[in-house]
Amino acid sequence: MIKDIDINQLKEGDILAEPLYNAHGHILLPANAVISNNCLKLLKTLNIQNVTIKKVEENNQTDGLTEEEIDISLNTLLEKLSWTPKNEYELELLKMAAIHKLKGDDL
């Protein structure tokens, strides 16, 4: 089930149903991104008002993945980018991308 919610109702573990864009049309988070506490803070800081989420009984973004696998994927992404995260929010977004890459999800 897909549901539009106010940002204040968004909680850790919720899953975005569609990509979330900033005012310039750049993707902040891809569809199927699992919301972390850091993402919540970032979205509120960016004054995002509403998001569309998937209502799922239970989900764990890292099911079946080890920290070592996630770290390797993260480092691989960092090697390919000409960009370095400047704060914990950017690092969290990059880590989410690394996890989605490991799971074979489209970004």
PDB file of N, CA and C in Angstrom:
ATOM      1  N   MET A   1       0.832  -1.166   0.000  1.00  0.00           N
ATOM      2  CA  MET A   1       0.000   0.000   0.000  1.00  0.00           C
ATOM      3  C   MET A   1       0.892   1.250   0.000  1.00  0.00           C
ATOM      4  N   ILE A   2       0.532   2.264  -0.776  1.00  0.00           N
ATOM      5  CA  ILE A   2       1.276   3.516  -0.865  1.00  0.00           C
ATOM      6  C   ILE A   2       0.480   4.607  -0.163  1.00  0.00           C
ATOM      7  N   LYS A   3       1.196   5.475   0.565  1.00  0.00           N
ATOM      8  CA  LYS A   3       0.508   6.494   1.357  1.00  0.00           C
ATOM      9  C   LYS A   3       1.330   7.783   1.387  1.00  0.00           C
ATOM     10  N   ASP A   4       0.676   8.921   1.139  1.00  0.00           N
ATOM     11  CA  ASP A   4       1.306  10.234   1.311  1.00  0.00           C
ATOM     12  C   ASP A   4       1.196  10.614   2.779  1.00  0.00           C
ATOM     13  N   ILE A   5       2.337  11.010   3.367  1.00  0.00           N
ATOM     14  CA  ILE A   5       2.313  11.400   4.777  1.00  0.00           C
ATOM     15  C   ILE A   5       3.080  12.702   4.993  1.00  0.00           C
ATOM     16  N   ASP A   6       2.744  13.380   6.066  1.00  0.00           N
ATOM     17  CA  ASP A   6       3.455  14.567   6.516  1.00  0.00           C
ATOM     18  C   ASP A   6       4.824  14.129   7.032  1.00  0.00           C
ATOM     19  N   ILE A   7       5.827  14.964   6.841  1.00  0.00           N
ATOM     20  CA  ILE A   7       7.187  14.621   7.265  1.00  0.00           C
ATOM     21  C   ILE A   7       7.252  14.306   8.761  1.00  0.00           C
ATOM     22  N   ASN A   8       6.381  14.909   9.554  1.00  0.00           N
ATOM     23  CA  ASN A   8       6.383  14.658  10.997  1.00  0.00           C
ATOM     24  C   ASN A   8       5.839  13.278  11.356  1.00  0.00           C
ATOM     25  N   GLN A   9       5.186  12.610  10.410  1.00  0.00           N
ATOM     26  CA  GLN A   9       4.709  11.244  10.629  1.00  0.00           C
ATOM     27  C   GLN A   9       5.734  10.212  10.156  1.00  0.00           C
ATOM     28  N   LEU A  10       6.714  10.661   9.381  1.00  0.00           N
ATOM     29  CA  LEU A  10       7.740   9.761   8.862  1.00  0.00           C
ATOM     30  C   LEU A  10       8.585   9.244  10.015  1.00  0.00           C
ATOM     31  N   LYS A  11       8.924   7.951   9.969  1.00  0.00           N
ATOM     32  CA  LYS A  11       9.724   7.376  11.048  1.00  0.00           C
ATOM     33  C   LYS A  11      10.797   6.456  10.482  1.00  0.00           C
ATOM     34  N   GLU A  12      11.763   6.175  11.329  1.00  0.00           N
ATOM     35  CA  GLU A  12      12.855   5.287  10.946  1.00  0.00           C
ATOM     36  C   GLU A  12      12.278   3.949  10.482  1.00  0.00           C
ATOM     37  N   GLY A  13      12.797   3.443   9.361  1.00  0.00           N
ATOM     38  CA  GLY A  13      12.340   2.165   8.830  1.00  0.00           C
ATOM     39  C   GLY A  13      11.289   2.296   7.747  1.00  0.00           C
ATOM     40  N   ASP A  14      10.645   3.475   7.622  1.00  0.00           N
ATOM     41  CA  ASP A  14       9.693   3.681   6.529  1.00  0.00           C
ATOM     42  C   ASP A  14      10.430   3.605   5.196  1.00  0.00           C
ATOM     43  N   ILE A  15       9.707   3.216   4.151  1.00  0.00           N
ATOM     44  CA  ILE A  15      10.296   3.032   2.821  1.00  0.00           C
ATOM     45  C   ILE A  15       9.642   3.998   1.846  1.00  0.00           C
ATOM     46  N   LEU A  16      10.473   4.762   1.137  1.00  0.00           N
ATOM     47  CA  LEU A  16       9.937   5.693   0.145  1.00  0.00           C
ATOM     48  C   LEU A  16       9.343   4.929  -1.030  1.00  0.00           C
ATOM     49  N   ALA A  17       8.175   5.332  -1.465  1.00  0.00           N
ATOM     50  CA  ALA A  17       7.506   4.687  -2.594  1.00  0.00           C
ATOM     51  C   ALA A  17       7.979   5.259  -3.925  1.00  0.00           C
ATOM     52  N   GLU A  18       8.517   6.469  -3.892  1.00  0.00           N
ATOM     53  CA  GLU A  18       8.984   7.124  -5.118  1.00  0.00           C
ATOM     54  C   GLU A  18      10.186   7.991  -4.772  1.00  0.00           C
ATOM     55  N   PRO A  19      10.995   8.348  -5.775  1.00  0.00           N
ATOM     56  CA  PRO A  19      12.164   9.183  -5.482  1.00  0.00           C
ATOM     57  C   PRO A  19      11.745  10.513  -4.851  1.00  0.00           C
ATOM     58  N   LEU A  20      12.626  11.043  -4.037  1.00  0.00           N
ATOM     59  CA  LEU A  20      12.390  12.328  -3.393  1.00  0.00           C
ATOM     60  C   LEU A  20      13.370  13.338  -3.990  1.00  0.00           C
ATOM     61  N   TYR A  21      12.833  14.420  -4.553  1.00  0.00           N
ATOM     62  CA  TYR A  21      13.643  15.417  -5.247  1.00  0.00           C
ATOM     63  C   TYR A  21      13.754  16.701  -4.435  1.00  0.00           C
ATOM     64  N   ASN A  22      14.866  17.426  -4.635  1.00  0.00           N
ATOM     65  CA  ASN A  22      14.982  18.756  -4.032  1.00  0.00           C
ATOM     66  C   ASN A  22      14.384  19.787  -4.978  1.00  0.00           C
ATOM     67  N   ALA A  23      14.450  21.045  -4.614  1.00  0.00           N
ATOM     68  CA  ALA A  23      13.843  22.121  -5.403  1.00  0.00           C
ATOM     69  C   ALA A  23      14.495  22.284  -6.775  1.00  0.00           C
ATOM     70  N   HIS A  24      15.705  21.755  -6.938  1.00  0.00           N
ATOM     71  CA  HIS A  24      16.428  21.866  -8.209  1.00  0.00           C
ATOM     72  C   HIS A  24      16.245  20.636  -9.093  1.00  0.00           C
ATOM     73  N   GLY A  25      15.425  19.692  -8.655  1.00  0.00           N
ATOM     74  CA  GLY A  25      15.168  18.492  -9.438  1.00  0.00           C
ATOM     75  C   GLY A  25      16.178  17.378  -9.254  1.00  0.00           C
ATOM     76  N   HIS A  26      17.080  17.515  -8.287  1.00  0.00           N
ATOM     77  CA  HIS A  26      18.060  16.471  -8.006  1.00  0.00           C
ATOM     78  C   HIS A  26      17.468  15.471  -7.014  1.00  0.00           C
ATOM     79  N   ILE A  27      17.782  14.201  -7.219  1.00  0.00           N
ATOM     80  CA  ILE A  27      17.270  13.166  -6.316  1.00  0.00           C
ATOM     81  C   ILE A  27      17.989  13.243  -4.969  1.00  0.00           C
ATOM     82  N   LEU A  28      17.202  13.400  -3.920  1.00  0.00           N
ATOM     83  CA  LEU A  28      17.737  13.345  -2.561  1.00  0.00           C
ATOM     84  C   LEU A  28      17.811  11.901  -2.089  1.00  0.00           C
ATOM     85  N   LEU A  29      16.742  11.159  -2.339  1.00  0.00           N
ATOM     86  CA  LEU A  29      16.666   9.746  -1.968  1.00  0.00           C
ATOM     87  C   LEU A  29      15.930   9.005  -3.076  1.00  0.00           C
ATOM     88  N   PRO A  30      16.392   7.792  -3.410  1.00  0.00           N
ATOM     89  CA  PRO A  30      15.714   7.029  -4.462  1.00  0.00           C
ATOM     90  C   PRO A  30      14.459   6.339  -3.935  1.00  0.00           C
ATOM     91  N   ALA A  31      13.633   5.890  -4.848  1.00  0.00           N
ATOM     92  CA  ALA A  31      12.500   5.047  -4.458  1.00  0.00           C
ATOM     93  C   ALA A  31      13.058   3.826  -3.743  1.00  0.00           C
ATOM     94  N   ASN A  32      12.341   3.313  -2.794  1.00  0.00           N
ATOM     95  CA  ASN A  32      12.714   2.146  -1.990  1.00  0.00           C
ATOM     96  C   ASN A  32      13.785   2.437  -0.946  1.00  0.00           C
ATOM     97  N   ALA A  33      14.162   3.708  -0.779  1.00  0.00           N
ATOM     98  CA  ALA A  33      15.122   4.052   0.269  1.00  0.00           C
ATOM     99  C   ALA A  33      14.466   3.826   1.626  1.00  0.00           C
ATOM    100  N   VAL A  34      15.227   3.244   2.525  1.00  0.00           N
ATOM    101  CA  VAL A  34      14.743   3.017   3.885  1.00  0.00           C
ATOM    102  C   VAL A  34      15.190   4.203   4.738  1.00  0.00           C
ATOM    103  N   ILE A  35      14.261   4.816   5.414  1.00  0.00           N
ATOM    104  CA  ILE A  35      14.528   6.033   6.177  1.00  0.00           C
ATOM    105  C   ILE A  35      15.258   5.711   7.480  1.00  0.00           C
ATOM    106  N   SER A  36      16.361   6.416   7.695  1.00  0.00           N
ATOM    107  CA  SER A  36      17.111   6.313   8.953  1.00  0.00           C
ATOM    108  C   SER A  36      16.863   7.587   9.761  1.00  0.00           C
ATOM    109  N   ASN A  37      17.322   7.593  11.002  1.00  0.00           N
ATOM    110  CA  ASN A  37      17.173   8.799  11.826  1.00  0.00           C
ATOM    111  C   ASN A  37      17.914   9.977  11.207  1.00  0.00           C
ATOM    112  N   ASN A  38      19.095   9.711  10.628  1.00  0.00           N
ATOM    113  CA  ASN A  38      19.845  10.784   9.984  1.00  0.00           C
ATOM    114  C   ASN A  38      19.086  11.340   8.786  1.00  0.00           C
ATOM    115  N   CYS A  39      18.438  10.471   8.020  1.00  0.00           N
ATOM    116  CA  CYS A  39      17.629  10.929   6.881  1.00  0.00           C
ATOM    117  C   CYS A  39      16.481  11.806   7.360  1.00  0.00           C
ATOM    118  N   LEU A  40      15.853  11.410   8.449  1.00  0.00           N
ATOM    119  CA  LEU A  40      14.757  12.212   9.009  1.00  0.00           C
ATOM    120  C   LEU A  40      15.228  13.629   9.323  1.00  0.00           C
ATOM    121  N   LYS A  41      16.374  13.725   9.990  1.00  0.00           N
ATOM    122  CA  LYS A  41      16.915  15.036  10.343  1.00  0.00           C
ATOM    123  C   LYS A  41      17.223  15.848   9.090  1.00  0.00           C
ATOM    124  N   LEU A  42      17.827  15.198   8.101  1.00  0.00           N
ATOM    125  CA  LEU A  42      18.177  15.882   6.859  1.00  0.00           C
ATOM    126  C   LEU A  42      16.934  16.407   6.150  1.00  0.00           C
ATOM    127  N   LEU A  43      15.911  15.584   6.031  1.00  0.00           N
ATOM    128  CA  LEU A  43      14.691  15.987   5.335  1.00  0.00           C
ATOM    129  C   LEU A  43      14.007  17.154   6.044  1.00  0.00           C
ATOM    130  N   LYS A  44      14.013  17.123   7.363  1.00  0.00           N
ATOM    131  CA  LYS A  44      13.422  18.235   8.115  1.00  0.00           C
ATOM    132  C   LYS A  44      14.255  19.502   7.946  1.00  0.00           C
ATOM    133  N   THR A  45      15.584  19.353   7.925  1.00  0.00           N
ATOM    134  CA  THR A  45      16.467  20.496   7.705  1.00  0.00           C
ATOM    135  C   THR A  45      16.226  21.118   6.337  1.00  0.00           C
ATOM    136  N   LEU A  46      15.947  20.279   5.334  1.00  0.00           N
ATOM    137  CA  LEU A  46      15.700  20.756   3.972  1.00  0.00           C
ATOM    138  C   LEU A  46      14.263  21.230   3.775  1.00  0.00           C
ATOM    139  N   ASN A  47      13.492  21.213   4.847  1.00  0.00           N
ATOM    140  CA  ASN A  47      12.102  21.683   4.839  1.00  0.00           C
ATOM    141  C   ASN A  47      11.209  20.884   3.888  1.00  0.00           C
ATOM    142  N   ILE A  48      11.469  19.580   3.782  1.00  0.00           N
ATOM    143  CA  ILE A  48      10.593  18.691   3.019  1.00  0.00           C
ATOM    144  C   ILE A  48       9.301  18.554   3.826  1.00  0.00           C
ATOM    145  N   GLN A  49       8.154  18.744   3.189  1.00  0.00           N
ATOM    146  CA  GLN A  49       6.872  18.748   3.894  1.00  0.00           C
ATOM    147  C   GLN A  49       6.158  17.394   3.873  1.00  0.00           C
ATOM    148  N   ASN A  50       6.181  16.705   2.721  1.00  0.00           N
ATOM    149  CA  ASN A  50       5.450  15.442   2.550  1.00  0.00           C
ATOM    150  C   ASN A  50       6.299  14.448   1.783  1.00  0.00           C
ATOM    151  N   VAL A  51       6.057  13.183   2.038  1.00  0.00           N
ATOM    152  CA  VAL A  51       6.701  12.106   1.287  1.00  0.00           C
ATOM    153  C   VAL A  51       5.672  11.013   1.025  1.00  0.00           C
ATOM    154  N   THR A  52       5.965  10.177   0.052  1.00  0.00           N
ATOM    155  CA  THR A  52       5.109   9.032  -0.248  1.00  0.00           C
ATOM    156  C   THR A  52       5.858   7.779   0.176  1.00  0.00           C
ATOM    157  N   ILE A  53       5.232   7.002   1.044  1.00  0.00           N
ATOM    158  CA  ILE A  53       5.894   5.806   1.563  1.00  0.00           C
ATOM    159  C   ILE A  53       5.116   4.550   1.198  1.00  0.00           C
ATOM    160  N   LYS A  54       5.837   3.431   1.275  1.00  0.00           N
ATOM    161  CA  LYS A  54       5.213   2.113   1.153  1.00  0.00           C
ATOM    162  C   LYS A  54       4.913   1.655   2.569  1.00  0.00           C
ATOM    163  N   LYS A  55       3.723   1.187   2.784  1.00  0.00           N
ATOM    164  CA  LYS A  55       3.378   0.632   4.084  1.00  0.00           C
ATOM    165  C   LYS A  55       3.715  -0.855   4.055  1.00  0.00           C
ATOM    166  N   VAL A  56       4.683  -1.246   4.874  1.00  0.00           N
ATOM    167  CA  VAL A  56       5.143  -2.625   4.932  1.00  0.00           C
ATOM    168  C   VAL A  56       5.139  -3.046   6.392  1.00  0.00           C
ATOM    169  N   GLU A  57       4.750  -4.279   6.619  1.00  0.00           N
ATOM    170  CA  GLU A  57       4.707  -4.795   7.994  1.00  0.00           C
ATOM    171  C   GLU A  57       6.065  -4.688   8.679  1.00  0.00           C
ATOM    172  N   GLU A  58       7.083  -5.240   8.024  1.00  0.00           N
ATOM    173  CA  GLU A  58       8.401  -5.272   8.636  1.00  0.00           C
ATOM    174  C   GLU A  58       9.445  -5.238   7.546  1.00  0.00           C
ATOM    175  N   ASN A  59      10.515  -4.472   7.759  1.00  0.00           N
ATOM    176  CA  ASN A  59      11.590  -4.406   6.780  1.00  0.00           C
ATOM    177  C   ASN A  59      12.892  -4.068   7.493  1.00  0.00           C
ATOM    178  N   ASN A  60      13.942  -4.697   7.055  1.00  0.00           N
ATOM    179  CA  ASN A  60      15.267  -4.343   7.534  1.00  0.00           C
ATOM    180  C   ASN A  60      16.141  -4.154   6.314  1.00  0.00           C
ATOM    181  N   GLN A  61      16.627  -2.954   6.117  1.00  0.00           N
ATOM    182  CA  GLN A  61      17.383  -2.598   4.927  1.00  0.00           C
ATOM    183  C   GLN A  61      18.606  -3.483   4.745  1.00  0.00           C
ATOM    184  N   THR A  62      19.204  -3.930   5.818  1.00  0.00           N
ATOM    185  CA  THR A  62      20.453  -4.675   5.711  1.00  0.00           C
ATOM    186  C   THR A  62      20.276  -6.179   5.892  1.00  0.00           C
ATOM    187  N   ASP A  63      19.047  -6.693   5.826  1.00  0.00           N
ATOM    188  CA  ASP A  63      18.824  -8.135   5.959  1.00  0.00           C
ATOM    189  C   ASP A  63      19.761  -8.909   5.042  1.00  0.00           C
ATOM    190  N   GLY A  64      20.484  -9.849   5.617  1.00  0.00           N
ATOM    191  CA  GLY A  64      21.345 -10.720   4.830  1.00  0.00           C
ATOM    192  C   GLY A  64      22.675 -10.106   4.439  1.00  0.00           C
ATOM    193  N   LEU A  65      22.952  -8.878   4.829  1.00  0.00           N
ATOM    194  CA  LEU A  65      24.209  -8.220   4.475  1.00  0.00           C
ATOM    195  C   LEU A  65      25.066  -8.043   5.722  1.00  0.00           C
ATOM    196  N   THR A  66      26.362  -8.289   5.570  1.00  0.00           N
ATOM    197  CA  THR A  66      27.275  -8.070   6.688  1.00  0.00           C
ATOM    198  C   THR A  66      27.820  -6.644   6.623  1.00  0.00           C
ATOM    199  N   GLU A  67      28.323  -6.169   7.744  1.00  0.00           N
ATOM    200  CA  GLU A  67      28.939  -4.833   7.773  1.00  0.00           C
ATOM    201  C   GLU A  67      30.126  -4.776   6.816  1.00  0.00           C
ATOM    202  N   GLU A  68      30.858  -5.892   6.721  1.00  0.00           N
ATOM    203  CA  GLU A  68      32.014  -5.937   5.814  1.00  0.00           C
ATOM    204  C   GLU A  68      31.571  -5.754   4.359  1.00  0.00           C
ATOM    205  N   GLU A  69      30.492  -6.428   3.954  1.00  0.00           N
ATOM    206  CA  GLU A  69      29.972  -6.280   2.592  1.00  0.00           C
ATOM    207  C   GLU A  69      29.539  -4.836   2.326  1.00  0.00           C
ATOM    208  N   ILE A  70      28.877  -4.253   3.308  1.00  0.00           N
ATOM    209  CA  ILE A  70      28.418  -2.866   3.159  1.00  0.00           C
ATOM    210  C   ILE A  70      29.611  -1.925   3.045  1.00  0.00           C
ATOM    211  N   ASP A  71      30.636  -2.129   3.888  1.00  0.00           N
ATOM    212  CA  ASP A  71      31.830  -1.276   3.837  1.00  0.00           C
ATOM    213  C   ASP A  71      32.554  -1.398   2.500  1.00  0.00           C
ATOM    214  N   ILE A  72      32.652  -2.619   1.973  1.00  0.00           N
ATOM    215  CA  ILE A  72      33.307  -2.821   0.675  1.00  0.00           C
ATOM    216  C   ILE A  72      32.527  -2.108  -0.417  1.00  0.00           C
ATOM    217  N   SER A  73      31.209  -2.248  -0.404  1.00  0.00           N
ATOM    218  CA  SER A  73      30.369  -1.577  -1.396  1.00  0.00           C
ATOM    219  C   SER A  73      30.492  -0.060  -1.272  1.00  0.00           C
ATOM    220  N   LEU A  74      30.516   0.437  -0.053  1.00  0.00           N
ATOM    221  CA  LEU A  74      30.662   1.873   0.192  1.00  0.00           C
ATOM    222  C   LEU A  74      31.996   2.377  -0.352  1.00  0.00           C
ATOM    223  N   ASN A  75      33.072   1.654  -0.073  1.00  0.00           N
ATOM    224  CA  ASN A  75      34.391   2.060  -0.559  1.00  0.00           C
ATOM    225  C   ASN A  75      34.471   2.004  -2.078  1.00  0.00           C
ATOM    226  N   THR A  76      33.816   1.017  -2.690  1.00  0.00           N
ATOM    227  CA  THR A  76      33.779   0.924  -4.148  1.00  0.00           C
ATOM    228  C   THR A  76      33.086   2.144  -4.742  1.00  0.00           C
ATOM    229  N   LEU A  77      31.963   2.533  -4.150  1.00  0.00           N
ATOM    230  CA  LEU A  77      31.267   3.738  -4.614  1.00  0.00           C
ATOM    231  C   LEU A  77      32.138   4.980  -4.455  1.00  0.00           C
ATOM    232  N   LEU A  78      32.813   5.093  -3.323  1.00  0.00           N
ATOM    233  CA  LEU A  78      33.669   6.258  -3.084  1.00  0.00           C
ATOM    234  C   LEU A  78      34.796   6.341  -4.105  1.00  0.00           C
ATOM    235  N   GLU A  79      35.356   5.189  -4.491  1.00  0.00           N
ATOM    236  CA  GLU A  79      36.426   5.164  -5.490  1.00  0.00           C
ATOM    237  C   GLU A  79      35.930   5.635  -6.852  1.00  0.00           C
ATOM    238  N   LYS A  80      34.660   5.371  -7.164  1.00  0.00           N
ATOM    239  CA  LYS A  80      34.107   5.723  -8.469  1.00  0.00           C
ATOM    240  C   LYS A  80      33.635   7.172  -8.543  1.00  0.00           C
ATOM    241  N   LEU A  81      33.437   7.791  -7.398  1.00  0.00           N
ATOM    242  CA  LEU A  81      32.912   9.156  -7.372  1.00  0.00           C
ATOM    243  C   LEU A  81      34.035  10.178  -7.262  1.00  0.00           C
ATOM    244  N   SER A  82      33.826  11.318  -7.855  1.00  0.00           N
ATOM    245  CA  SER A  82      34.770  12.428  -7.676  1.00  0.00           C
ATOM    246  C   SER A  82      34.195  13.368  -6.611  1.00  0.00           C
ATOM    247  N   TRP A  83      33.669  12.775  -5.570  1.00  0.00           N
ATOM    248  CA  TRP A  83      32.991  13.498  -4.501  1.00  0.00           C
ATOM    249  C   TRP A  83      33.226  12.768  -3.191  1.00  0.00           C
ATOM    250  N   THR A  84      33.367  13.512  -2.128  1.00  0.00           N
ATOM    251  CA  THR A  84      33.543  12.939  -0.801  1.00  0.00           C
ATOM    252  C   THR A  84      32.476  13.514   0.123  1.00  0.00           C
ATOM    253  N   PRO A  85      31.797  12.655   0.878  1.00  0.00           N
ATOM    254  CA  PRO A  85      30.783  13.165   1.812  1.00  0.00           C
ATOM    255  C   PRO A  85      31.415  14.143   2.803  1.00  0.00           C
ATOM    256  N   LYS A  86      30.707  15.238   3.047  1.00  0.00           N
ATOM    257  CA  LYS A  86      31.229  16.286   3.930  1.00  0.00           C
ATOM    258  C   LYS A  86      30.632  16.244   5.333  1.00  0.00           C
ATOM    259  N   ASN A  87      29.601  15.417   5.519  1.00  0.00           N
ATOM    260  CA  ASN A  87      28.979  15.341   6.844  1.00  0.00           C
ATOM    261  C   ASN A  87      28.292  13.984   6.992  1.00  0.00           C
ATOM    262  N   GLU A  88      27.754  13.733   8.178  1.00  0.00           N
ATOM    263  CA  GLU A  88      27.152  12.429   8.465  1.00  0.00           C
ATOM    264  C   GLU A  88      25.920  12.146   7.609  1.00  0.00           C
ATOM    265  N   TYR A  89      25.204  13.194   7.198  1.00  0.00           N
ATOM    266  CA  TYR A  89      24.010  12.999   6.380  1.00  0.00           C
ATOM    267  C   TYR A  89      24.386  12.522   4.980  1.00  0.00           C
ATOM    268  N   GLU A  90      25.397  13.153   4.408  1.00  0.00           N
ATOM    269  CA  GLU A  90      25.855  12.735   3.083  1.00  0.00           C
ATOM    270  C   GLU A  90      26.418  11.319   3.132  1.00  0.00           C
ATOM    271  N   LEU A  91      27.142  10.994   4.200  1.00  0.00           N
ATOM    272  CA  LEU A  91      27.680   9.646   4.350  1.00  0.00           C
ATOM    273  C   LEU A  91      26.555   8.624   4.477  1.00  0.00           C
ATOM    274  N   GLU A  92      25.504   8.973   5.211  1.00  0.00           N
ATOM    275  CA  GLU A  92      24.351   8.072   5.367  1.00  0.00           C
ATOM    276  C   GLU A  92      23.669   7.826   4.023  1.00  0.00           C
ATOM    277  N   LEU A  93      23.520   8.886   3.218  1.00  0.00           N
ATOM    278  CA  LEU A  93      22.921   8.732   1.889  1.00  0.00           C
ATOM    279  C   LEU A  93      23.785   7.837   1.010  1.00  0.00           C
ATOM    280  N   LEU A  94      25.102   8.007   1.089  1.00  0.00           N
ATOM    281  CA  LEU A  94      26.010   7.179   0.304  1.00  0.00           C
ATOM    282  C   LEU A  94      25.949   5.724   0.769  1.00  0.00           C
ATOM    283  N   LYS A  95      25.845   5.520   2.072  1.00  0.00           N
ATOM    284  CA  LYS A  95      25.741   4.158   2.611  1.00  0.00           C
ATOM    285  C   LYS A  95      24.454   3.493   2.128  1.00  0.00           C
ATOM    286  N   MET A  96      23.370   4.260   2.072  1.00  0.00           N
ATOM    287  CA  MET A  96      22.109   3.711   1.565  1.00  0.00           C
ATOM    288  C   MET A  96      22.258   3.295   0.108  1.00  0.00           C
ATOM    289  N   ALA A  97      22.961   4.100  -0.675  1.00  0.00           N
ATOM    290  CA  ALA A  97      23.198   3.760  -2.080  1.00  0.00           C
ATOM    291  C   ALA A  97      24.022   2.481  -2.183  1.00  0.00           C
ATOM    292  N   ALA A  98      25.019   2.326  -1.320  1.00  0.00           N
ATOM    293  CA  ALA A  98      25.855   1.129  -1.323  1.00  0.00           C
ATOM    294  C   ALA A  98      25.026  -0.112  -0.991  1.00  0.00           C
ATOM    295  N   ILE A  99      24.114   0.003  -0.049  1.00  0.00           N
ATOM    296  CA  ILE A  99      23.247  -1.118   0.328  1.00  0.00           C
ATOM    297  C   ILE A  99      22.308  -1.470  -0.818  1.00  0.00           C
ATOM    298  N   HIS A 100      21.714  -0.459  -1.444  1.00  0.00           N
ATOM    299  CA  HIS A 100      20.821  -0.713  -2.580  1.00  0.00           C
ATOM    300  C   HIS A 100      21.580  -1.380  -3.724  1.00  0.00           C
ATOM    301  N   LYS A 101      22.823  -0.969  -3.933  1.00  0.00           N
ATOM    302  CA  LYS A 101      23.653  -1.569  -4.986  1.00  0.00           C
ATOM    303  C   LYS A 101      23.896  -3.048  -4.671  1.00  0.00           C
ATOM    304  N   LEU A 102      24.205  -3.356  -3.429  1.00  0.00           N
ATOM    305  CA  LEU A 102      24.433  -4.748  -3.027  1.00  0.00           C
ATOM    306  C   LEU A 102      23.189  -5.609  -3.226  1.00  0.00           C
ATOM    307  N   LYS A 103      22.043  -5.030  -2.950  1.00  0.00           N
ATOM    308  CA  LYS A 103      20.787  -5.776  -3.066  1.00  0.00           C
ATOM    309  C   LYS A 103      20.279  -5.836  -4.499  1.00  0.00           C
ATOM    310  N   GLY A 104      20.955  -5.111  -5.414  1.00  0.00           N
ATOM    311  CA  GLY A 104      20.549  -5.130  -6.812  1.00  0.00           C
ATOM    312  C   GLY A 104      19.382  -4.221  -7.115  1.00  0.00           C
ATOM    313  N   ASP A 105      19.055  -3.308  -6.191  1.00  0.00           N
ATOM    314  CA  ASP A 105      17.956  -2.361  -6.408  1.00  0.00           C
ATOM    315  C   ASP A 105      18.401  -1.265  -7.361  1.00  0.00           C
ATOM    316  N   ASP A 106      17.476  -0.776  -8.169  1.00  0.00           N
ATOM    317  CA  ASP A 106      17.752   0.374  -9.023  1.00  0.00           C
ATOM    318  C   ASP A 106      17.849   1.612  -8.154  1.00  0.00           C
ATOM    319  N   LEU A 107      18.777   2.500  -8.513  1.00  0.00           N
ATOM    320  CA  LEU A 107      18.917   3.749  -7.753  1.00  0.00           C
ATOM    321  C   LEU A 107      18.159   4.849  -8.407  1.00  0.00           C
TER     322      LEU A 107
END
